[in-house]
Amino acid sequence: MSAIYILIPVAIVLVGFAIWLFFWAVDSGQYDDLDSPAHSILFDDEDPLHKAGVEKINPSHDEQSPPRA
């Protein structure tokens, strides 16, 4: 019976930590966009229609791409 006096506060602390961790992840943007990265692998980088779609979504996107290794 005395173990329950230790296990209940430990469980409450763990649940509190899990809730804090979830809200931290949401606030830091971990769940902002889950679909676009998964679909972007399907598009060819050289496809002009894809580039037009990217410019339509993000008008401040600049034409230069980062150097490739």
C-alpha atoms as a PDB file:
ATOM      1  CA  MET A   1       0.000   0.000   0.000  1.00  0.00           C
ATOM      2  CA  SER A   2       2.859   2.389   0.667  1.00  0.00           C
ATOM      3  CA  ALA A   3       4.047   1.998  -2.952  1.00  0.00           C
ATOM      4  CA  ILE A   4       0.880   3.672  -4.184  1.00  0.00           C
ATOM      5  CA  TYR A   5       1.880   6.852  -2.341  1.00  0.00           C
ATOM      6  CA  ILE A   6       4.969   6.977  -4.571  1.00  0.00           C
ATOM      7  CA  LEU A   7       3.449   5.709  -7.828  1.00  0.00           C
ATOM      8  CA  ILE A   8       0.536   8.177  -7.995  1.00  0.00           C
ATOM      9  CA  PRO A   9       2.720  11.334  -7.772  1.00  0.00           C
ATOM     10  CA  VAL A  10       5.202   9.829 -10.246  1.00  0.00           C
ATOM     11  CA  ALA A  11       2.359   9.090 -12.675  1.00  0.00           C
ATOM     12  CA  ILE A  12       0.986  12.615 -12.295  1.00  0.00           C
ATOM     13  CA  VAL A  13       4.436  14.093 -12.979  1.00  0.00           C
ATOM     14  CA  LEU A  14       4.853  11.908 -16.089  1.00  0.00           C
ATOM     15  CA  VAL A  15       1.438  12.888 -17.435  1.00  0.00           C
ATOM     16  CA  GLY A  16       2.225  16.550 -16.774  1.00  0.00           C
ATOM     17  CA  PHE A  17       5.531  16.203 -18.602  1.00  0.00           C
ATOM     18  CA  ALA A  18       3.827  14.515 -21.572  1.00  0.00           C
ATOM     19  CA  ILE A  19       1.234  17.306 -21.783  1.00  0.00           C
ATOM     20  CA  TRP A  20       3.958  19.965 -21.583  1.00  0.00           C
ATOM     21  CA  LEU A  21       5.961  18.167 -24.286  1.00  0.00           C
ATOM     22  CA  PHE A  22       2.920  18.010 -26.566  1.00  0.00           C
ATOM     23  CA  PHE A  23       2.174  21.719 -26.192  1.00  0.00           C
ATOM     24  CA  TRP A  24       5.846  22.557 -26.731  1.00  0.00           C
ATOM     25  CA  ALA A  25       5.824  20.555 -29.984  1.00  0.00           C
ATOM     26  CA  VAL A  26       2.674  22.299 -31.183  1.00  0.00           C
ATOM     27  CA  ASP A  27       4.047  25.752 -30.320  1.00  0.00           C
ATOM     28  CA  SER A  28       7.376  25.071 -32.028  1.00  0.00           C
ATOM     29  CA  GLY A  29       5.646  24.139 -35.288  1.00  0.00           C
ATOM     30  CA  GLN A  30       6.212  20.406 -35.335  1.00  0.00           C
ATOM     31  CA  TYR A  31       2.692  19.756 -36.629  1.00  0.00           C
ATOM     32  CA  ASP A  32       2.300  22.663 -39.042  1.00  0.00           C
ATOM     33  CA  ASP A  33       2.339  20.861 -42.382  1.00  0.00           C
ATOM     34  CA  LEU A  34       2.393  17.093 -42.560  1.00  0.00           C
ATOM     35  CA  ASP A  35       1.151  16.591 -46.131  1.00  0.00           C
ATOM     36  CA  SER A  36       3.376  18.764 -48.345  1.00  0.00           C
ATOM     37  CA  PRO A  37       6.733  17.089 -47.571  1.00  0.00           C
ATOM     38  CA  ALA A  38       5.226  13.679 -48.249  1.00  0.00           C
ATOM     39  CA  HIS A  39       3.816  14.778 -51.609  1.00  0.00           C
ATOM     40  CA  SER A  40       6.795  16.859 -52.717  1.00  0.00           C
ATOM     41  CA  ILE A  41       8.903  13.741 -53.284  1.00  0.00           C
ATOM     42  CA  LEU A  42       6.512  12.806 -56.100  1.00  0.00           C
ATOM     43  CA  PHE A  43       7.174  15.971 -58.107  1.00  0.00           C
ATOM     44  CA  ASP A  44      10.104  16.443 -60.440  1.00  0.00           C
ATOM     45  CA  ASP A  45      12.222  19.489 -59.591  1.00  0.00           C
ATOM     46  CA  GLU A  46      12.637  20.370 -63.264  1.00  0.00           C
ATOM     47  CA  ASP A  47       8.912  20.284 -64.049  1.00  0.00           C
ATOM     48  CA  PRO A  48       7.826  23.827 -65.050  1.00  0.00           C
ATOM     49  CA  LEU A  49       4.271  23.185 -63.866  1.00  0.00           C
ATOM     50  CA  HIS A  50       5.570  22.277 -60.429  1.00  0.00           C
ATOM     51  CA  LYS A  51       7.660  25.456 -60.273  1.00  0.00           C
ATOM     52  CA  ALA A  52       4.616  27.484 -61.264  1.00  0.00           C
ATOM     53  CA  GLY A  53       2.643  25.864 -58.479  1.00  0.00           C
ATOM     54  CA  VAL A  54       5.382  26.645 -55.972  1.00  0.00           C
ATOM     55  CA  GLU A  55       5.494  30.281 -57.102  1.00  0.00           C
ATOM     56  CA  LYS A  56       1.720  30.495 -56.859  1.00  0.00           C
ATOM     57  CA  ILE A  57       1.789  29.254 -53.271  1.00  0.00           C
ATOM     58  CA  ASN A  58       4.936  31.122 -52.204  1.00  0.00           C
ATOM     59  CA  PRO A  59       5.302  34.321 -54.315  1.00  0.00           C
ATOM     60  CA  SER A  60       8.451  35.413 -52.453  1.00  0.00           C
ATOM     61  CA  HIS A  61      10.232  32.182 -53.495  1.00  0.00           C
ATOM     62  CA  ASP A  62      13.381  33.071 -55.323  1.00  0.00           C
ATOM     63  CA  GLU A  63      14.407  31.391 -58.548  1.00  0.00           C
ATOM     64  CA  GLN A  64      17.840  30.296 -57.379  1.00  0.00           C
ATOM     65  CA  SER A  65      18.026  26.888 -55.830  1.00  0.00           C
ATOM     66  CA  PRO A  66      20.642  25.920 -53.255  1.00  0.00           C
ATOM     67  CA  PRO A  67      23.817  24.325 -54.602  1.00  0.00           C
ATOM     68  CA  ARG A  68      23.686  20.580 -54.934  1.00  0.00           C
ATOM     69  CA  ALA A  69      26.428  18.315 -53.699  1.00  0.00           C
END
